[in-house]
Amino acid sequence: MDIFNRNRERNPDDHFSNLMFGRKPEPEQEESKVDYLQLMASVETLMGLYSQYKPTIDKINLNPLIAKFLKKE
C-alpha cells in the first residue's frame, strides 16, 4: 500500500474518506445548444444601435470615464 498516493486513488465506497472530505461531485455533461441565427441577429442589433448612438457618445466625450475604469493600478 502506497500511503503517498492513496488520496488520488480514493475508493468511492471508502466511508471514512467520504465522511472527512465529502464525495467528489460528478461532472455534469450538458449539451450546449446555441441558436447561431438568433445570436447573429442580436449582434447585428447591438452594432446597429451602437452606430446610431455613436455621434451622441462622441459629443458627450465619455473617454475619460471609460479610461478610468480600464486603468490598471
PDB file of N, CA and C in Angstrom:
ATOM      1  N   MET A   1       0.849  -1.182   0.000  1.00  0.00           N
ATOM      2  CA  MET A   1       0.000   0.000   0.000  1.00  0.00           C
ATOM      3  C   MET A   1       0.886   1.234   0.000  1.00  0.00           C
ATOM      4  N   ASP A   2       0.665   2.096  -0.950  1.00  0.00           N
ATOM      5  CA  ASP A   2       1.434   3.324  -1.082  1.00  0.00           C
ATOM      6  C   ASP A   2       0.690   4.440  -0.351  1.00  0.00           C
ATOM      7  N   ILE A   3       1.223   4.893   0.779  1.00  0.00           N
ATOM      8  CA  ILE A   3       0.496   5.878   1.581  1.00  0.00           C
ATOM      9  C   ILE A   3       0.524   7.270   0.961  1.00  0.00           C
ATOM     10  N   PHE A   4       1.444   7.547   0.044  1.00  0.00           N
ATOM     11  CA  PHE A   4       1.530   8.875  -0.541  1.00  0.00           C
ATOM     12  C   PHE A   4       0.558   9.072  -1.698  1.00  0.00           C
ATOM     13  N   ASN A   5       0.153   8.021  -2.350  1.00  0.00           N
ATOM     14  CA  ASN A   5      -0.748   8.127  -3.494  1.00  0.00           C
ATOM     15  C   ASN A   5      -2.149   7.629  -3.187  1.00  0.00           C
ATOM     16  N   ARG A   6      -2.450   7.399  -1.950  1.00  0.00           N
ATOM     17  CA  ARG A   6      -3.734   6.792  -1.643  1.00  0.00           C
ATOM     18  C   ARG A   6      -4.892   7.771  -1.826  1.00  0.00           C
ATOM     19  N   ASN A   7      -4.658   9.075  -1.671  1.00  0.00           N
ATOM     20  CA  ASN A   7      -5.750  10.026  -1.857  1.00  0.00           C
ATOM     21  C   ASN A   7      -6.145  10.173  -3.322  1.00  0.00           C
ATOM     22  N   ARG A   8      -5.216   9.947  -4.221  1.00  0.00           N
ATOM     23  CA  ARG A   8      -5.523  10.072  -5.646  1.00  0.00           C
ATOM     24  C   ARG A   8      -6.397   8.922  -6.115  1.00  0.00           C
ATOM     25  N   GLU A   9      -6.256   7.789  -5.491  1.00  0.00           N
ATOM     26  CA  GLU A   9      -6.998   6.598  -5.893  1.00  0.00           C
ATOM     27  C   GLU A   9      -8.031   6.251  -4.838  1.00  0.00           C
ATOM     28  N   ARG A  10      -8.818   7.239  -4.445  1.00  0.00           N
ATOM     29  CA  ARG A  10      -9.801   7.041  -3.387  1.00  0.00           C
ATOM     30  C   ARG A  10     -10.955   6.190  -3.895  1.00  0.00           C
ATOM     31  N   ASN A  11     -11.290   5.202  -3.145  1.00  0.00           N
ATOM     32  CA  ASN A  11     -12.393   4.305  -3.462  1.00  0.00           C
ATOM     33  C   ASN A  11     -13.708   5.009  -3.129  1.00  0.00           C
ATOM     34  N   PRO A  12     -14.693   4.991  -4.020  1.00  0.00           N
ATOM     35  CA  PRO A  12     -15.962   5.668  -3.712  1.00  0.00           C
ATOM     36  C   PRO A  12     -16.697   5.041  -2.537  1.00  0.00           C
ATOM     37  N   ASP A  13     -16.365   3.805  -2.193  1.00  0.00           N
ATOM     38  CA  ASP A  13     -17.008   3.142  -1.061  1.00  0.00           C
ATOM     39  C   ASP A  13     -16.232   3.326   0.231  1.00  0.00           C
ATOM     40  N   ASP A  14     -15.199   4.169   0.227  1.00  0.00           N
ATOM     41  CA  ASP A  14     -14.413   4.419   1.424  1.00  0.00           C
ATOM     42  C   ASP A  14     -15.198   5.388   2.320  1.00  0.00           C
ATOM     43  N   HIS A  15     -15.863   4.843   3.330  1.00  0.00           N
ATOM     44  CA  HIS A  15     -16.765   5.636   4.162  1.00  0.00           C
ATOM     45  C   HIS A  15     -16.025   6.700   4.971  1.00  0.00           C
ATOM     46  N   PHE A  16     -14.832   6.400   5.441  1.00  0.00           N
ATOM     47  CA  PHE A  16     -14.068   7.376   6.224  1.00  0.00           C
ATOM     48  C   PHE A  16     -13.699   8.591   5.377  1.00  0.00           C
ATOM     49  N   SER A  17     -13.196   8.361   4.182  1.00  0.00           N
ATOM     50  CA  SER A  17     -12.824   9.471   3.308  1.00  0.00           C
ATOM     51  C   SER A  17     -14.046  10.287   2.911  1.00  0.00           C
ATOM     52  N   ASN A  18     -15.161   9.616   2.660  1.00  0.00           N
ATOM     53  CA  ASN A  18     -16.378  10.339   2.326  1.00  0.00           C
ATOM     54  C   ASN A  18     -16.863  11.189   3.491  1.00  0.00           C
ATOM     55  N   LEU A  19     -16.703  10.691   4.701  1.00  0.00           N
ATOM     56  CA  LEU A  19     -17.104  11.442   5.889  1.00  0.00           C
ATOM     57  C   LEU A  19     -16.189  12.639   6.108  1.00  0.00           C
ATOM     58  N   MET A  20     -14.885  12.448   5.948  1.00  0.00           N
ATOM     59  CA  MET A  20     -13.930  13.521   6.232  1.00  0.00           C
ATOM     60  C   MET A  20     -13.857  14.556   5.103  1.00  0.00           C
ATOM     61  N   PHE A  21     -13.861  14.111   3.871  1.00  0.00           N
ATOM     62  CA  PHE A  21     -13.610  15.013   2.744  1.00  0.00           C
ATOM     63  C   PHE A  21     -14.820  15.209   1.847  1.00  0.00           C
ATOM     64  N   GLY A  22     -15.866  14.469   2.061  1.00  0.00           N
ATOM     65  CA  GLY A  22     -17.041  14.575   1.219  1.00  0.00           C
ATOM     66  C   GLY A  22     -16.855  13.836  -0.089  1.00  0.00           C
ATOM     67  N   ARG A  23     -17.932  13.658  -0.776  1.00  0.00           N
ATOM     68  CA  ARG A  23     -17.868  12.967  -2.070  1.00  0.00           C
ATOM     69  C   ARG A  23     -17.458  13.952  -3.146  1.00  0.00           C
ATOM     70  N   LYS A  24     -16.745  13.452  -4.123  1.00  0.00           N
ATOM     71  CA  LYS A  24     -16.378  14.281  -5.267  1.00  0.00           C
ATOM     72  C   LYS A  24     -17.620  14.472  -6.132  1.00  0.00           C
ATOM     73  N   PRO A  25     -17.885  15.702  -6.530  1.00  0.00           N
ATOM     74  CA  PRO A  25     -19.049  15.893  -7.385  1.00  0.00           C
ATOM     75  C   PRO A  25     -18.818  15.271  -8.752  1.00  0.00           C
ATOM     76  N   GLU A  26     -19.849  14.671  -9.259  1.00  0.00           N
ATOM     77  CA  GLU A  26     -19.747  14.054 -10.572  1.00  0.00           C
ATOM     78  C   GLU A  26     -19.860  15.146 -11.625  1.00  0.00           C
ATOM     79  N   PRO A  27     -19.001  15.126 -12.621  1.00  0.00           N
ATOM     80  CA  PRO A  27     -19.075  16.163 -13.648  1.00  0.00           C
ATOM     81  C   PRO A  27     -20.372  16.045 -14.443  1.00  0.00           C
ATOM     82  N   GLU A  28     -20.988  17.204 -14.652  1.00  0.00           N
ATOM     83  CA  GLU A  28     -22.244  17.215 -15.392  1.00  0.00           C
ATOM     84  C   GLU A  28     -21.945  17.375 -16.881  1.00  0.00           C
ATOM     85  N   GLN A  29     -22.561  16.552 -17.651  1.00  0.00           N
ATOM     86  CA  GLN A  29     -22.385  16.600 -19.096  1.00  0.00           C
ATOM     87  C   GLN A  29     -23.655  17.166 -19.712  1.00  0.00           C
ATOM     88  N   GLU A  30     -23.590  18.431 -20.089  1.00  0.00           N
ATOM     89  CA  GLU A  30     -24.730  19.056 -20.739  1.00  0.00           C
ATOM     90  C   GLU A  30     -24.340  19.475 -22.141  1.00  0.00           C
ATOM     91  N   GLU A  31     -25.253  19.287 -23.042  1.00  0.00           N
ATOM     92  CA  GLU A  31     -25.018  19.736 -24.399  1.00  0.00           C
ATOM     93  C   GLU A  31     -25.470  21.187 -24.484  1.00  0.00           C
ATOM     94  N   SER A  32     -24.583  22.041 -24.940  1.00  0.00           N
ATOM     95  CA  SER A  32     -24.965  23.433 -25.101  1.00  0.00           C
ATOM     96  C   SER A  32     -25.494  23.625 -26.513  1.00  0.00           C
ATOM     97  N   LYS A  33     -26.709  24.061 -26.587  1.00  0.00           N
ATOM     98  CA  LYS A  33     -27.333  24.296 -27.880  1.00  0.00           C
ATOM     99  C   LYS A  33     -27.426  25.798 -28.072  1.00  0.00           C
ATOM    100  N   VAL A  34     -26.735  26.296 -29.056  1.00  0.00           N
ATOM    101  CA  VAL A  34     -26.693  27.723 -29.325  1.00  0.00           C
ATOM    102  C   VAL A  34     -27.410  27.973 -30.642  1.00  0.00           C
ATOM    103  N   ASP A  35     -28.338  28.900 -30.602  1.00  0.00           N
ATOM    104  CA  ASP A  35     -29.027  29.301 -31.825  1.00  0.00           C
ATOM    105  C   ASP A  35     -28.203  30.408 -32.464  1.00  0.00           C
ATOM    106  N   TYR A  36     -27.367  30.036 -33.417  1.00  0.00           N
ATOM    107  CA  TYR A  36     -26.433  30.984 -34.016  1.00  0.00           C
ATOM    108  C   TYR A  36     -27.141  32.064 -34.821  1.00  0.00           C
ATOM    109  N   LEU A  37     -28.264  31.747 -35.406  1.00  0.00           N
ATOM    110  CA  LEU A  37     -29.003  32.765 -36.153  1.00  0.00           C
ATOM    111  C   LEU A  37     -29.517  33.853 -35.219  1.00  0.00           C
ATOM    112  N   GLN A  38     -30.036  33.458 -34.068  1.00  0.00           N
ATOM    113  CA  GLN A  38     -30.519  34.437 -33.095  1.00  0.00           C
ATOM    114  C   GLN A  38     -29.347  35.220 -32.512  1.00  0.00           C
ATOM    115  N   LEU A  39     -28.230  34.563 -32.282  1.00  0.00           N
ATOM    116  CA  LEU A  39     -27.045  35.240 -31.771  1.00  0.00           C
ATOM    117  C   LEU A  39     -26.551  36.302 -32.749  1.00  0.00           C
ATOM    118  N   MET A  40     -26.475  35.943 -34.025  1.00  0.00           N
ATOM    119  CA  MET A  40     -26.028  36.897 -35.030  1.00  0.00           C
ATOM    120  C   MET A  40     -27.023  38.053 -35.185  1.00  0.00           C
ATOM    121  N   ALA A  41     -28.310  37.772 -35.047  1.00  0.00           N
ATOM    122  CA  ALA A  41     -29.312  38.837 -35.112  1.00  0.00           C
ATOM    123  C   ALA A  41     -29.143  39.793 -33.939  1.00  0.00           C
ATOM    124  N   SER A  42     -28.837  39.258 -32.762  1.00  0.00           N
ATOM    125  CA  SER A  42     -28.620  40.115 -31.591  1.00  0.00           C
ATOM    126  C   SER A  42     -27.374  40.968 -31.766  1.00  0.00           C
ATOM    127  N   VAL A  43     -26.314  40.386 -32.295  1.00  0.00           N
ATOM    128  CA  VAL A  43     -25.080  41.152 -32.532  1.00  0.00           C
ATOM    129  C   VAL A  43     -25.338  42.242 -33.561  1.00  0.00           C
ATOM    130  N   GLU A  44     -26.095  41.920 -34.584  1.00  0.00           N
ATOM    131  CA  GLU A  44     -26.416  42.913 -35.605  1.00  0.00           C
ATOM    132  C   GLU A  44     -27.235  44.058 -35.015  1.00  0.00           C
ATOM    133  N   THR A  45     -28.168  43.733 -34.126  1.00  0.00           N
ATOM    134  CA  THR A  45     -28.968  44.764 -33.472  1.00  0.00           C
ATOM    135  C   THR A  45     -28.095  45.661 -32.604  1.00  0.00           C
ATOM    136  N   LEU A  46     -27.195  45.053 -31.832  1.00  0.00           N
ATOM    137  CA  LEU A  46     -26.306  45.839 -30.967  1.00  0.00           C
ATOM    138  C   LEU A  46     -25.388  46.740 -31.780  1.00  0.00           C
ATOM    139  N   MET A  47     -24.852  46.230 -32.870  1.00  0.00           N
ATOM    140  CA  MET A  47     -23.978  47.049 -33.709  1.00  0.00           C
ATOM    141  C   MET A  47     -24.753  48.187 -34.367  1.00  0.00           C
ATOM    142  N   GLY A  48     -25.992  47.926 -34.739  1.00  0.00           N
ATOM    143  CA  GLY A  48     -26.828  48.974 -35.307  1.00  0.00           C
ATOM    144  C   GLY A  48     -27.121  50.068 -34.296  1.00  0.00           C
ATOM    145  N   LEU A  49     -27.418  49.675 -33.061  1.00  0.00           N
ATOM    146  CA  LEU A  49     -27.664  50.663 -32.005  1.00  0.00           C
ATOM    147  C   LEU A  49     -26.406  51.458 -31.702  1.00  0.00           C
ATOM    148  N   TYR A  50     -25.268  50.783 -31.704  1.00  0.00           N
ATOM    149  CA  TYR A  50     -24.007  51.482 -31.442  1.00  0.00           C
ATOM    150  C   TYR A  50     -23.737  52.524 -32.526  1.00  0.00           C
ATOM    151  N   SER A  51     -23.926  52.141 -33.782  1.00  0.00           N
ATOM    152  CA  SER A  51     -23.662  53.099 -34.854  1.00  0.00           C
ATOM    153  C   SER A  51     -24.671  54.241 -34.825  1.00  0.00           C
ATOM    154  N   GLN A  52     -25.875  53.964 -34.329  1.00  0.00           N
ATOM    155  CA  GLN A  52     -26.890  55.008 -34.237  1.00  0.00           C
ATOM    156  C   GLN A  52     -26.538  56.015 -33.136  1.00  0.00           C
ATOM    157  N   TYR A  53     -26.015  55.550 -32.007  1.00  0.00           N
ATOM    158  CA  TYR A  53     -25.731  56.430 -30.875  1.00  0.00           C
ATOM    159  C   TYR A  53     -24.274  56.886 -30.811  1.00  0.00           C
ATOM    160  N   LYS A  54     -23.452  56.462 -31.731  1.00  0.00           N
ATOM    161  CA  LYS A  54     -22.041  56.834 -31.704  1.00  0.00           C
ATOM    162  C   LYS A  54     -21.819  58.345 -31.759  1.00  0.00           C
ATOM    163  N   PRO A  55     -22.527  59.112 -32.586  1.00  0.00           N
ATOM    164  CA  PRO A  55     -22.318  60.571 -32.568  1.00  0.00           C
ATOM    165  C   PRO A  55     -22.653  61.189 -31.215  1.00  0.00           C
ATOM    166  N   THR A  56     -23.682  60.700 -30.562  1.00  0.00           N
ATOM    167  CA  THR A  56     -24.048  61.220 -29.243  1.00  0.00           C
ATOM    168  C   THR A  56     -22.969  60.886 -28.219  1.00  0.00           C
ATOM    169  N   ILE A  57     -22.444  59.685 -28.287  1.00  0.00           N
ATOM    170  CA  ILE A  57     -21.386  59.281 -27.359  1.00  0.00           C
ATOM    171  C   ILE A  57     -20.139  60.129 -27.586  1.00  0.00           C
ATOM    172  N   ASP A  58     -19.832  60.432 -28.830  1.00  0.00           N
ATOM    173  CA  ASP A  58     -18.674  61.284 -29.122  1.00  0.00           C
ATOM    174  C   ASP A  58     -18.881  62.706 -28.608  1.00  0.00           C
ATOM    175  N   LYS A  59     -20.122  63.232 -28.676  1.00  0.00           N
ATOM    176  CA  LYS A  59     -20.405  64.580 -28.180  1.00  0.00           C
ATOM    177  C   LYS A  59     -20.273  64.655 -26.665  1.00  0.00           C
ATOM    178  N   ILE A  60     -20.679  63.594 -25.970  1.00  0.00           N
ATOM    179  CA  ILE A  60     -20.610  63.589 -24.507  1.00  0.00           C
ATOM    180  C   ILE A  60     -19.175  63.463 -24.039  1.00  0.00           C
ATOM    181  N   ASN A  61     -18.343  62.831 -24.841  1.00  0.00           N
ATOM    182  CA  ASN A  61     -16.928  62.605 -24.525  1.00  0.00           C
ATOM    183  C   ASN A  61     -16.789  61.768 -23.253  1.00  0.00           C
ATOM    184  N   LEU A  62     -17.138  60.523 -23.359  1.00  0.00           N
ATOM    185  CA  LEU A  62     -17.044  59.595 -22.234  1.00  0.00           C
ATOM    186  C   LEU A  62     -15.671  58.941 -22.114  1.00  0.00           C
ATOM    187  N   ASN A  63     -14.741  59.344 -22.938  1.00  0.00           N
ATOM    188  CA  ASN A  63     -13.428  58.704 -22.924  1.00  0.00           C
ATOM    189  C   ASN A  63     -12.738  58.770 -21.561  1.00  0.00           C
ATOM    190  N   PRO A  64     -12.730  59.905 -20.836  1.00  0.00           N
ATOM    191  CA  PRO A  64     -12.078  59.904 -19.517  1.00  0.00           C
ATOM    192  C   PRO A  64     -12.744  58.944 -18.532  1.00  0.00           C
ATOM    193  N   LEU A  65     -14.068  58.850 -18.601  1.00  0.00           N
ATOM    194  CA  LEU A  65     -14.781  57.952 -17.699  1.00  0.00           C
ATOM    195  C   LEU A  65     -14.453  56.497 -18.014  1.00  0.00           C
ATOM    196  N   ILE A  66     -14.434  56.158 -19.285  1.00  0.00           N
ATOM    197  CA  ILE A  66     -14.107  54.789 -19.694  1.00  0.00           C
ATOM    198  C   ILE A  66     -12.649  54.476 -19.364  1.00  0.00           C
ATOM    199  N   ALA A  67     -11.767  55.432 -19.582  1.00  0.00           N
ATOM    200  CA  ALA A  67     -10.348  55.220 -19.292  1.00  0.00           C
ATOM    201  C   ALA A  67     -10.121  54.990 -17.802  1.00  0.00           C
ATOM    202  N   LYS A  68     -10.921  55.660 -16.970  1.00  0.00           N
ATOM    203  CA  LYS A  68     -10.799  55.469 -15.515  1.00  0.00           C
ATOM    204  C   LYS A  68     -11.083  54.021 -15.129  1.00  0.00           C
ATOM    205  N   PHE A  69     -12.094  53.420 -15.752  1.00  0.00           N
ATOM    206  CA  PHE A  69     -12.438  52.028 -15.438  1.00  0.00           C
ATOM    207  C   PHE A  69     -11.450  51.041 -16.036  1.00  0.00           C
ATOM    208  N   LEU A  70     -10.846  51.404 -17.156  1.00  0.00           N
ATOM    209  CA  LEU A  70      -9.909  50.499 -17.807  1.00  0.00           C
ATOM    210  C   LEU A  70      -8.488  50.637 -17.281  1.00  0.00           C
ATOM    211  N   LYS A  71      -8.248  51.674 -16.484  1.00  0.00           N
ATOM    212  CA  LYS A  71      -6.897  51.924 -15.975  1.00  0.00           C
ATOM    213  C   LYS A  71      -6.498  50.822 -14.998  1.00  0.00           C
ATOM    214  N   LYS A  72      -5.318  50.285 -15.219  1.00  0.00           N
ATOM    215  CA  LYS A  72      -4.804  49.236 -14.330  1.00  0.00           C
ATOM    216  C   LYS A  72      -3.969  49.896 -13.240  1.00  0.00           C
ATOM    217  N   GLU A  73      -4.207  49.451 -12.042  1.00  0.00           N
ATOM    218  CA  GLU A  73      -3.442  50.006 -10.905  1.00  0.00           C
ATOM    219  C   GLU A  73      -2.485  48.982 -10.370  1.00  0.00           C
TER     220      GLU A  73
END
